[in-house]
N, C-alpha and C. Protein backbone atom coordinates (compact mmCIF):
# COMPACT_ATOMS: atom_id res chain seq x y z
N SER A 1 0.84 -1.19 0.00
CA SER A 1 0.00 0.00 0.00
C SER A 1 0.88 1.24 0.00
N ARG A 2 0.29 2.40 -0.25
CA ARG A 2 1.03 3.66 -0.30
C ARG A 2 1.62 4.00 1.06
N ASP A 3 0.94 3.60 2.14
CA ASP A 3 1.38 3.96 3.48
C ASP A 3 2.52 3.08 3.99
N GLN A 4 2.64 1.88 3.47
CA GLN A 4 3.68 0.97 3.94
C GLN A 4 4.33 0.28 2.75
N CYS A 5 5.64 0.51 2.60
CA CYS A 5 6.38 -0.15 1.53
C CYS A 5 6.67 -1.58 1.95
N GLN A 6 6.54 -2.51 1.02
CA GLN A 6 6.77 -3.91 1.36
C GLN A 6 7.81 -4.49 0.41
N ILE A 7 8.82 -5.10 0.99
CA ILE A 7 9.84 -5.80 0.22
C ILE A 7 10.02 -7.16 0.89
N SER A 8 9.92 -8.22 0.11
CA SER A 8 10.05 -9.59 0.62
C SER A 8 9.13 -9.83 1.81
N ASN A 9 7.92 -9.33 1.71
CA ASN A 9 6.89 -9.52 2.75
C ASN A 9 7.26 -8.90 4.09
N LYS A 10 8.29 -8.06 4.13
CA LYS A 10 8.64 -7.37 5.36
C LYS A 10 8.06 -5.96 5.29
N ILE A 11 7.40 -5.54 6.34
CA ILE A 11 6.82 -4.20 6.36
C ILE A 11 7.92 -3.19 6.64
N LYS A 12 7.99 -2.19 5.79
CA LYS A 12 8.99 -1.13 5.92
C LYS A 12 8.36 0.08 6.59
N PRO A 13 9.16 1.03 7.04
CA PRO A 13 8.62 2.20 7.73
C PRO A 13 7.71 3.04 6.84
N VAL A 14 6.81 3.77 7.46
CA VAL A 14 5.95 4.69 6.73
C VAL A 14 6.83 5.83 6.23
N CYS A 15 6.77 6.09 4.94
CA CYS A 15 7.62 7.12 4.34
C CYS A 15 6.97 8.49 4.43
N ASP A 16 7.80 9.50 4.49
CA ASP A 16 7.35 10.89 4.47
C ASP A 16 6.65 11.16 3.14
N PRO A 17 5.63 12.03 3.12
CA PRO A 17 4.95 12.35 1.86
C PRO A 17 5.87 12.94 0.78
N LEU A 18 7.02 13.47 1.17
CA LEU A 18 7.96 14.03 0.20
C LEU A 18 8.85 12.96 -0.44
N CYS A 19 8.69 11.71 -0.01
CA CYS A 19 9.49 10.61 -0.57
C CYS A 19 8.78 9.96 -1.75
N VAL A 20 9.56 9.51 -2.70
CA VAL A 20 9.07 8.62 -3.76
C VAL A 20 10.07 7.48 -3.88
N GLY A 21 9.58 6.30 -4.16
CA GLY A 21 10.47 5.16 -4.34
C GLY A 21 10.96 4.54 -3.04
N GLY A 22 10.31 4.87 -1.93
CA GLY A 22 10.68 4.24 -0.67
C GLY A 22 11.58 5.10 0.19
N CYS A 23 11.89 4.54 1.37
CA CYS A 23 12.70 5.26 2.34
C CYS A 23 13.37 4.26 3.27
N SER A 24 14.33 4.74 4.03
CA SER A 24 15.03 3.87 4.98
C SER A 24 14.53 4.08 6.41
N GLY A 25 13.63 5.02 6.58
CA GLY A 25 13.09 5.32 7.91
C GLY A 25 12.12 6.48 7.82
N PRO A 26 11.70 6.98 8.96
CA PRO A 26 10.75 8.09 8.96
C PRO A 26 11.43 9.43 8.66
N GLY A 27 10.67 10.37 8.15
CA GLY A 27 11.16 11.73 7.94
C GLY A 27 11.71 11.99 6.56
N PRO A 28 11.83 13.27 6.19
CA PRO A 28 12.27 13.66 4.85
C PRO A 28 13.76 13.46 4.57
N LYS A 29 14.55 13.11 5.59
CA LYS A 29 15.98 12.84 5.36
C LYS A 29 16.22 11.37 5.00
N ALA A 30 15.19 10.54 5.14
CA ALA A 30 15.35 9.11 4.91
C ALA A 30 14.84 8.66 3.54
N CYS A 31 14.45 9.61 2.69
CA CYS A 31 13.90 9.27 1.37
C CYS A 31 14.98 8.75 0.44
N PHE A 32 14.61 7.76 -0.38
CA PHE A 32 15.51 7.31 -1.44
C PHE A 32 15.55 8.35 -2.56
N THR A 33 14.39 8.94 -2.87
CA THR A 33 14.25 9.98 -3.88
C THR A 33 13.19 10.97 -3.42
N CYS A 34 13.38 12.23 -3.77
CA CYS A 34 12.44 13.28 -3.36
C CYS A 34 11.40 13.54 -4.44
N SER A 35 10.17 13.81 -4.01
CA SER A 35 9.11 14.10 -4.96
C SER A 35 9.18 15.54 -5.47
N LYS A 36 9.82 16.42 -4.71
CA LYS A 36 9.90 17.82 -5.13
C LYS A 36 11.36 18.26 -5.18
N PHE A 37 11.91 18.77 -4.09
CA PHE A 37 13.28 19.30 -4.09
C PHE A 37 14.11 18.68 -2.98
N ILE A 38 15.44 18.75 -3.15
CA ILE A 38 16.36 18.25 -2.12
C ILE A 38 17.37 19.35 -1.80
N ILE A 39 17.66 19.50 -0.51
CA ILE A 39 18.69 20.42 -0.05
C ILE A 39 19.33 19.80 1.19
N ASN A 40 20.65 19.76 1.21
CA ASN A 40 21.39 19.17 2.34
C ASN A 40 20.87 17.77 2.70
N ASP A 41 20.67 16.94 1.69
CA ASP A 41 20.21 15.55 1.85
C ASP A 41 18.83 15.44 2.51
N GLU A 42 18.02 16.48 2.38
CA GLU A 42 16.66 16.45 2.94
C GLU A 42 15.66 16.88 1.88
N CYS A 43 14.56 16.14 1.78
CA CYS A 43 13.50 16.49 0.84
C CYS A 43 12.69 17.66 1.40
N VAL A 44 12.38 18.62 0.53
CA VAL A 44 11.59 19.78 0.93
C VAL A 44 10.51 20.04 -0.12
N ASP A 45 9.44 20.72 0.32
CA ASP A 45 8.32 21.04 -0.55
C ASP A 45 8.67 22.15 -1.54
N HIS A 46 9.48 23.11 -1.08
CA HIS A 46 9.94 24.22 -1.92
C HIS A 46 11.31 24.68 -1.42
N CYS A 47 12.02 25.37 -2.26
CA CYS A 47 13.36 25.82 -1.87
C CYS A 47 13.25 26.96 -0.86
N PRO A 48 14.05 26.89 0.21
CA PRO A 48 14.01 27.95 1.22
C PRO A 48 14.50 29.29 0.66
N VAL A 49 14.12 30.37 1.34
CA VAL A 49 14.56 31.71 0.97
C VAL A 49 16.09 31.72 0.92
N GLY A 50 16.64 32.36 -0.11
CA GLY A 50 18.09 32.42 -0.26
C GLY A 50 18.67 31.28 -1.07
N THR A 51 17.81 30.35 -1.52
CA THR A 51 18.27 29.28 -2.40
C THR A 51 17.47 29.33 -3.69
N TYR A 52 17.95 28.60 -4.70
CA TYR A 52 17.36 28.67 -6.03
C TYR A 52 17.11 27.27 -6.56
N GLU A 53 15.98 27.10 -7.27
CA GLU A 53 15.65 25.81 -7.88
C GLU A 53 16.61 25.56 -9.04
N TYR A 54 17.16 24.35 -9.07
CA TYR A 54 18.06 23.96 -10.15
C TYR A 54 17.58 22.63 -10.70
N LEU A 55 17.31 22.59 -12.00
CA LEU A 55 16.84 21.40 -12.71
C LEU A 55 15.54 20.86 -12.12
N ASN A 56 14.73 21.72 -11.54
CA ASN A 56 13.43 21.35 -10.96
C ASN A 56 13.52 20.25 -9.92
N ARG A 57 14.69 20.11 -9.27
CA ARG A 57 14.79 19.06 -8.25
C ARG A 57 15.76 19.37 -7.11
N ARG A 58 16.65 20.35 -7.29
CA ARG A 58 17.62 20.67 -6.23
C ARG A 58 17.49 22.13 -5.82
N CYS A 59 17.84 22.43 -4.58
CA CYS A 59 17.93 23.81 -4.10
C CYS A 59 19.41 24.10 -3.88
N ILE A 60 19.89 25.17 -4.50
CA ILE A 60 21.30 25.53 -4.37
C ILE A 60 21.43 27.01 -4.03
N SER A 61 22.59 27.39 -3.50
CA SER A 61 22.83 28.79 -3.15
C SER A 61 23.17 29.58 -4.41
N GLU A 62 23.14 30.90 -4.29
CA GLU A 62 23.50 31.75 -5.41
C GLU A 62 24.96 31.53 -5.81
N VAL A 63 25.82 31.35 -4.82
CA VAL A 63 27.25 31.11 -5.10
C VAL A 63 27.42 29.82 -5.90
N GLU A 64 26.71 28.75 -5.50
CA GLU A 64 26.79 27.49 -6.24
C GLU A 64 26.30 27.69 -7.67
N CYS A 65 25.21 28.43 -7.83
CA CYS A 65 24.63 28.65 -9.15
C CYS A 65 25.60 29.36 -10.08
N VAL A 66 26.09 30.52 -9.66
CA VAL A 66 26.93 31.32 -10.55
C VAL A 66 28.33 30.75 -10.72
N SER A 67 28.69 29.75 -9.91
CA SER A 67 30.00 29.10 -10.04
C SER A 67 29.99 27.99 -11.09
N MET A 68 28.80 27.55 -11.48
CA MET A 68 28.71 26.46 -12.46
C MET A 68 28.95 26.98 -13.87
N THR A 69 29.51 26.13 -14.72
CA THR A 69 29.62 26.44 -16.14
C THR A 69 29.01 25.28 -16.90
N ARG A 70 28.48 25.59 -18.05
CA ARG A 70 27.92 24.52 -18.89
C ARG A 70 28.97 24.14 -19.93
N LEU A 71 28.82 22.96 -20.47
CA LEU A 71 29.73 22.51 -21.52
C LEU A 71 29.09 22.77 -22.87
N ARG A 72 29.89 23.04 -23.85
CA ARG A 72 29.39 23.27 -25.20
C ARG A 72 30.28 22.53 -26.19
N LYS A 73 29.70 22.27 -27.35
CA LYS A 73 30.49 21.66 -28.41
C LYS A 73 31.33 22.74 -29.06
N ALA A 74 32.56 22.42 -29.33
CA ALA A 74 33.46 23.37 -29.98
C ALA A 74 34.31 22.61 -30.99
N THR A 75 34.99 23.35 -31.83
CA THR A 75 35.88 22.73 -32.80
C THR A 75 37.30 23.21 -32.53
N LYS A 76 38.21 22.27 -32.41
CA LYS A 76 39.62 22.59 -32.19
C LYS A 76 40.43 21.75 -33.16
N GLU A 77 41.18 22.42 -34.00
CA GLU A 77 42.00 21.73 -35.00
C GLU A 77 41.15 20.76 -35.82
N ASN A 78 39.98 21.23 -36.28
CA ASN A 78 39.03 20.48 -37.10
C ASN A 78 38.48 19.24 -36.41
N LYS A 79 38.55 19.17 -35.08
CA LYS A 79 37.97 18.06 -34.34
C LYS A 79 36.93 18.60 -33.38
N SER A 80 35.84 17.85 -33.22
CA SER A 80 34.79 18.25 -32.30
C SER A 80 35.21 17.93 -30.87
N VAL A 81 35.16 18.92 -30.00
CA VAL A 81 35.54 18.74 -28.60
C VAL A 81 34.47 19.37 -27.71
N VAL A 82 34.50 19.03 -26.43
CA VAL A 82 33.61 19.64 -25.46
C VAL A 82 34.44 20.60 -24.62
N ALA A 83 33.96 21.83 -24.50
CA ALA A 83 34.71 22.85 -23.76
C ALA A 83 33.78 23.61 -22.83
N PRO A 84 34.31 24.19 -21.75
CA PRO A 84 33.46 25.00 -20.88
C PRO A 84 32.99 26.25 -21.61
N ASP A 85 31.75 26.63 -21.39
CA ASP A 85 31.18 27.83 -22.00
C ASP A 85 31.57 29.03 -21.16
N VAL A 86 31.76 30.18 -21.79
CA VAL A 86 32.10 31.38 -21.04
C VAL A 86 30.93 31.90 -20.22
N ASN A 87 29.71 31.62 -20.65
CA ASN A 87 28.54 32.07 -19.91
C ASN A 87 28.26 31.12 -18.76
N THR A 88 28.24 31.67 -17.56
CA THR A 88 27.93 30.86 -16.39
C THR A 88 26.42 30.89 -16.16
N PHE A 89 25.99 30.13 -15.19
CA PHE A 89 24.59 30.12 -14.82
C PHE A 89 24.27 31.41 -14.06
N ILE A 90 22.99 31.78 -14.07
CA ILE A 90 22.53 32.98 -13.37
C ILE A 90 21.23 32.68 -12.64
N THR A 91 20.89 33.53 -11.67
CA THR A 91 19.64 33.36 -10.96
C THR A 91 18.57 34.24 -11.60
N PHE A 92 17.35 33.70 -11.68
CA PHE A 92 16.22 34.42 -12.26
C PHE A 92 14.94 33.84 -11.70
N ASN A 93 14.10 34.68 -11.10
CA ASN A 93 12.82 34.24 -10.53
C ASN A 93 12.97 33.00 -9.66
N ASN A 94 13.90 33.03 -8.73
CA ASN A 94 14.14 31.94 -7.77
C ASN A 94 14.61 30.64 -8.42
N THR A 95 15.14 30.73 -9.64
CA THR A 95 15.70 29.54 -10.29
C THR A 95 17.13 29.83 -10.73
N CYS A 96 17.89 28.77 -10.95
CA CYS A 96 19.25 28.86 -11.46
C CYS A 96 19.20 28.36 -12.90
N ILE A 97 19.50 29.24 -13.86
CA ILE A 97 19.36 28.90 -15.28
C ILE A 97 20.63 29.26 -16.04
N ASP A 98 20.79 28.66 -17.22
CA ASP A 98 21.95 28.99 -18.05
C ASP A 98 21.58 29.89 -19.23
N THR A 99 20.29 30.03 -19.50
CA THR A 99 19.83 30.85 -20.61
C THR A 99 18.62 31.66 -20.16
N CYS A 100 18.59 32.92 -20.48
CA CYS A 100 17.44 33.75 -20.11
C CYS A 100 16.20 33.30 -20.89
N PRO A 101 15.02 33.40 -20.28
CA PRO A 101 13.80 33.00 -20.98
C PRO A 101 13.43 33.98 -22.09
N ALA A 102 12.47 33.60 -22.92
CA ALA A 102 12.03 34.44 -24.03
C ALA A 102 11.62 35.82 -23.52
N GLY A 103 12.03 36.85 -24.25
CA GLY A 103 11.70 38.22 -23.86
C GLY A 103 12.71 38.85 -22.92
N TYR A 104 13.73 38.07 -22.52
CA TYR A 104 14.78 38.56 -21.63
C TYR A 104 16.13 38.27 -22.25
N GLU A 105 17.12 39.05 -21.85
CA GLU A 105 18.49 38.81 -22.28
C GLU A 105 19.42 39.06 -21.10
N ARG A 106 20.65 38.60 -21.21
CA ARG A 106 21.62 38.81 -20.13
C ARG A 106 21.93 40.30 -20.00
N SER A 107 22.12 40.71 -18.76
CA SER A 107 22.51 42.10 -18.50
C SER A 107 23.93 42.32 -19.00
N SER A 108 24.37 43.57 -19.05
CA SER A 108 25.70 43.87 -19.58
C SER A 108 26.81 43.21 -18.77
N ASP A 109 26.57 42.97 -17.47
CA ASP A 109 27.57 42.28 -16.66
C ASP A 109 27.38 40.76 -16.66
N SER A 110 26.38 40.27 -17.41
CA SER A 110 26.07 38.83 -17.55
C SER A 110 25.68 38.15 -16.25
N LYS A 111 25.26 38.92 -15.25
CA LYS A 111 24.92 38.33 -13.96
C LYS A 111 23.42 38.20 -13.72
N SER A 112 22.60 38.71 -14.64
CA SER A 112 21.15 38.61 -14.46
C SER A 112 20.46 38.69 -15.82
N CYS A 113 19.15 38.45 -15.82
CA CYS A 113 18.33 38.59 -17.02
C CYS A 113 17.55 39.89 -16.91
N VAL A 114 17.50 40.65 -18.00
CA VAL A 114 16.74 41.89 -18.03
C VAL A 114 15.78 41.84 -19.21
N VAL A 115 14.67 42.58 -19.09
CA VAL A 115 13.68 42.63 -20.17
C VAL A 115 14.34 43.23 -21.40
N CYS A 116 14.08 42.65 -22.55
CA CYS A 116 14.64 43.15 -23.80
C CYS A 116 14.04 44.52 -24.13
N PRO A 117 14.87 45.49 -24.52
CA PRO A 117 14.33 46.81 -24.86
C PRO A 117 13.44 46.74 -26.10
N GLY A 118 12.29 47.37 -26.00
CA GLY A 118 11.36 47.38 -27.14
C GLY A 118 10.78 46.02 -27.45
N GLY A 119 10.95 45.06 -26.56
CA GLY A 119 10.39 43.73 -26.76
C GLY A 119 11.19 42.86 -27.71
N THR A 120 12.27 43.39 -28.28
CA THR A 120 13.10 42.61 -29.20
C THR A 120 14.46 42.37 -28.57
N CYS A 121 14.81 41.12 -28.42
CA CYS A 121 16.09 40.76 -27.80
C CYS A 121 17.20 40.74 -28.84
N SER A 122 18.38 41.18 -28.41
CA SER A 122 19.55 41.02 -29.27
C SER A 122 20.22 39.71 -28.86
N LYS A 123 20.79 39.05 -29.82
CA LYS A 123 21.46 37.78 -29.54
C LYS A 123 22.75 37.75 -30.35
N THR A 124 23.87 37.67 -29.65
CA THR A 124 25.17 37.61 -30.31
C THR A 124 25.57 36.16 -30.53
N CYS A 125 25.99 35.86 -31.74
CA CYS A 125 26.43 34.50 -32.07
C CYS A 125 27.80 34.60 -32.73
N ASN A 126 28.56 33.54 -32.63
CA ASN A 126 29.87 33.49 -33.27
C ASN A 126 29.71 33.25 -34.76
N GLY A 127 30.69 33.73 -35.52
CA GLY A 127 30.69 33.51 -36.96
C GLY A 127 30.66 32.02 -37.27
N SER A 128 30.22 31.70 -38.48
CA SER A 128 30.01 30.30 -38.80
C SER A 128 30.09 30.08 -40.30
N LEU A 129 30.35 28.84 -40.66
CA LEU A 129 30.26 28.40 -42.05
C LEU A 129 28.97 27.60 -42.16
N VAL A 130 28.01 28.13 -42.92
CA VAL A 130 26.72 27.46 -43.09
C VAL A 130 26.81 26.57 -44.33
N GLU A 131 26.89 25.25 -44.08
CA GLU A 131 26.98 24.30 -45.18
C GLU A 131 25.70 23.49 -45.35
N ASN A 132 24.78 23.62 -44.38
CA ASN A 132 23.52 22.89 -44.45
C ASN A 132 22.47 23.60 -43.60
N ILE A 133 21.25 23.12 -43.66
CA ILE A 133 20.14 23.75 -42.93
C ILE A 133 20.33 23.64 -41.42
N VAL A 134 20.91 22.55 -40.95
CA VAL A 134 21.13 22.37 -39.50
C VAL A 134 22.03 23.48 -38.97
N THR A 135 23.09 23.80 -39.70
CA THR A 135 23.97 24.89 -39.28
C THR A 135 23.22 26.21 -39.28
N ALA A 136 22.39 26.44 -40.29
CA ALA A 136 21.59 27.67 -40.35
C ALA A 136 20.64 27.75 -39.16
N GLU A 137 20.03 26.61 -38.79
CA GLU A 137 19.10 26.58 -37.66
C GLU A 137 19.79 26.96 -36.35
N SER A 138 21.08 26.65 -36.23
CA SER A 138 21.80 26.99 -35.00
C SER A 138 21.97 28.50 -34.84
N LEU A 139 21.74 29.26 -35.91
CA LEU A 139 21.87 30.72 -35.86
C LEU A 139 20.51 31.42 -35.77
N ARG A 140 19.45 30.65 -35.60
CA ARG A 140 18.10 31.23 -35.50
C ARG A 140 18.04 32.22 -34.33
N GLY A 141 17.51 33.39 -34.59
CA GLY A 141 17.36 34.40 -33.54
C GLY A 141 18.57 35.28 -33.33
N CYS A 142 19.68 34.97 -33.98
CA CYS A 142 20.89 35.79 -33.82
C CYS A 142 20.66 37.14 -34.49
N THR A 143 21.05 38.22 -33.81
CA THR A 143 20.94 39.55 -34.38
C THR A 143 22.31 40.14 -34.72
N TYR A 144 23.35 39.63 -34.07
CA TYR A 144 24.71 40.13 -34.29
C TYR A 144 25.64 38.93 -34.43
N ILE A 145 26.40 38.90 -35.50
CA ILE A 145 27.35 37.82 -35.73
C ILE A 145 28.75 38.36 -35.45
N ASN A 146 29.41 37.77 -34.46
CA ASN A 146 30.77 38.16 -34.10
C ASN A 146 31.74 37.29 -34.88
N GLY A 147 32.18 37.78 -36.02
CA GLY A 147 33.03 37.01 -36.91
C GLY A 147 32.43 36.99 -38.30
N SER A 148 32.95 36.14 -39.14
CA SER A 148 32.46 36.03 -40.52
C SER A 148 31.31 35.05 -40.61
N LEU A 149 30.44 35.28 -41.57
CA LEU A 149 29.35 34.35 -41.86
C LEU A 149 29.48 33.95 -43.32
N GLU A 150 29.80 32.68 -43.53
CA GLU A 150 29.93 32.17 -44.89
C GLU A 150 28.80 31.19 -45.15
N ILE A 151 28.19 31.30 -46.32
CA ILE A 151 27.12 30.38 -46.71
C ILE A 151 27.61 29.62 -47.93
N ASN A 152 27.68 28.29 -47.80
CA ASN A 152 28.19 27.45 -48.87
C ASN A 152 27.38 26.15 -48.90
N ILE A 153 26.14 26.25 -49.38
CA ILE A 153 25.26 25.07 -49.47
C ILE A 153 25.27 24.61 -50.92
N LYS A 154 25.67 23.36 -51.13
CA LYS A 154 25.86 22.86 -52.48
C LYS A 154 24.72 21.99 -52.98
N MET A 155 23.88 21.49 -52.05
CA MET A 155 22.81 20.57 -52.47
C MET A 155 21.49 21.00 -51.87
N GLY A 156 20.41 20.67 -52.57
CA GLY A 156 19.07 20.95 -52.07
C GLY A 156 18.28 21.79 -53.06
N LYS A 157 16.97 21.88 -52.82
CA LYS A 157 16.10 22.68 -53.68
C LYS A 157 16.26 24.15 -53.32
N SER A 158 16.46 24.97 -54.34
CA SER A 158 16.75 26.38 -54.09
C SER A 158 15.63 27.10 -53.34
N LYS A 159 14.37 26.78 -53.63
CA LYS A 159 13.26 27.42 -52.91
C LYS A 159 13.27 27.04 -51.44
N THR A 160 13.50 25.77 -51.15
CA THR A 160 13.55 25.30 -49.76
C THR A 160 14.72 25.93 -49.02
N ILE A 161 15.88 25.92 -49.65
CA ILE A 161 17.07 26.49 -49.02
C ILE A 161 16.88 27.98 -48.78
N SER A 162 16.35 28.68 -49.77
CA SER A 162 16.12 30.11 -49.65
C SER A 162 15.17 30.41 -48.48
N ARG A 163 14.08 29.66 -48.37
CA ARG A 163 13.11 29.85 -47.29
C ARG A 163 13.74 29.57 -45.93
N GLU A 164 14.49 28.46 -45.83
CA GLU A 164 15.14 28.09 -44.57
C GLU A 164 16.18 29.13 -44.15
N LEU A 165 16.95 29.62 -45.11
CA LEU A 165 17.95 30.65 -44.78
C LEU A 165 17.27 31.92 -44.28
N GLU A 166 16.18 32.31 -44.93
CA GLU A 166 15.47 33.51 -44.50
C GLU A 166 14.87 33.34 -43.11
N GLU A 167 14.28 32.17 -42.84
CA GLU A 167 13.69 31.91 -41.52
C GLU A 167 14.75 31.89 -40.42
N ASN A 168 15.89 31.30 -40.70
CA ASN A 168 16.91 31.11 -39.67
C ASN A 168 17.91 32.25 -39.55
N LEU A 169 18.15 32.97 -40.63
CA LEU A 169 19.13 34.05 -40.60
C LEU A 169 18.48 35.43 -40.70
N GLY A 170 17.17 35.47 -40.79
CA GLY A 170 16.44 36.72 -41.01
C GLY A 170 16.52 37.75 -39.90
N SER A 171 16.92 37.36 -38.70
CA SER A 171 17.01 38.31 -37.58
C SER A 171 18.35 39.02 -37.51
N ILE A 172 19.32 38.59 -38.31
CA ILE A 172 20.66 39.17 -38.26
C ILE A 172 20.62 40.62 -38.73
N LYS A 173 21.14 41.52 -37.89
CA LYS A 173 21.18 42.95 -38.20
C LYS A 173 22.59 43.41 -38.55
N GLU A 174 23.60 42.74 -37.97
CA GLU A 174 24.98 43.17 -38.18
C GLU A 174 25.92 41.97 -38.13
N ILE A 175 26.92 41.98 -39.02
CA ILE A 175 27.95 40.95 -39.04
C ILE A 175 29.30 41.65 -38.92
N LYS A 176 30.06 41.27 -37.90
CA LYS A 176 31.41 41.83 -37.72
C LYS A 176 32.39 40.79 -38.24
N GLY A 177 32.76 40.90 -39.49
CA GLY A 177 33.67 39.94 -40.10
C GLY A 177 35.05 40.01 -39.48
N GLY A 178 35.82 39.00 -39.80
CA GLY A 178 37.18 39.07 -39.27
C GLY A 178 37.82 37.78 -39.06
């Protein structure tokens, strides 16, 4: 039953309501898995003041949040590698996130999300060689290209390619070649 976990016909302790998947004893510190959030090895209903939700399951401090870096795919000597991203995580609306939500962009100091001026967000992307639609899609929403943008698509229907390029590259306002 929900009130008593049973393994090998042995009655186990009544688990805290914040537990899922069983427990080793009573209380929210004895849960095998938490139904909501975990902080300091204890299941909680919501993150306490001064902490931030991370991945919809953990509560972490602001220092922990902004100290994290995400990994990104990069190219080094024509080989695909994984490298730390320069953008760290930030706090926003009691959560720890790596990307600002729609309608917001990183502040000039990159430590918070601010409402986009005029409702239109600017997005800086690195220069790229667009050889296919997938590469073009990775530039969707970019308004400023830091570097050169080369387009070299050799195969496909011209109407389809033209439409895809317009949809994915249509927000670009400025390209800083180099």
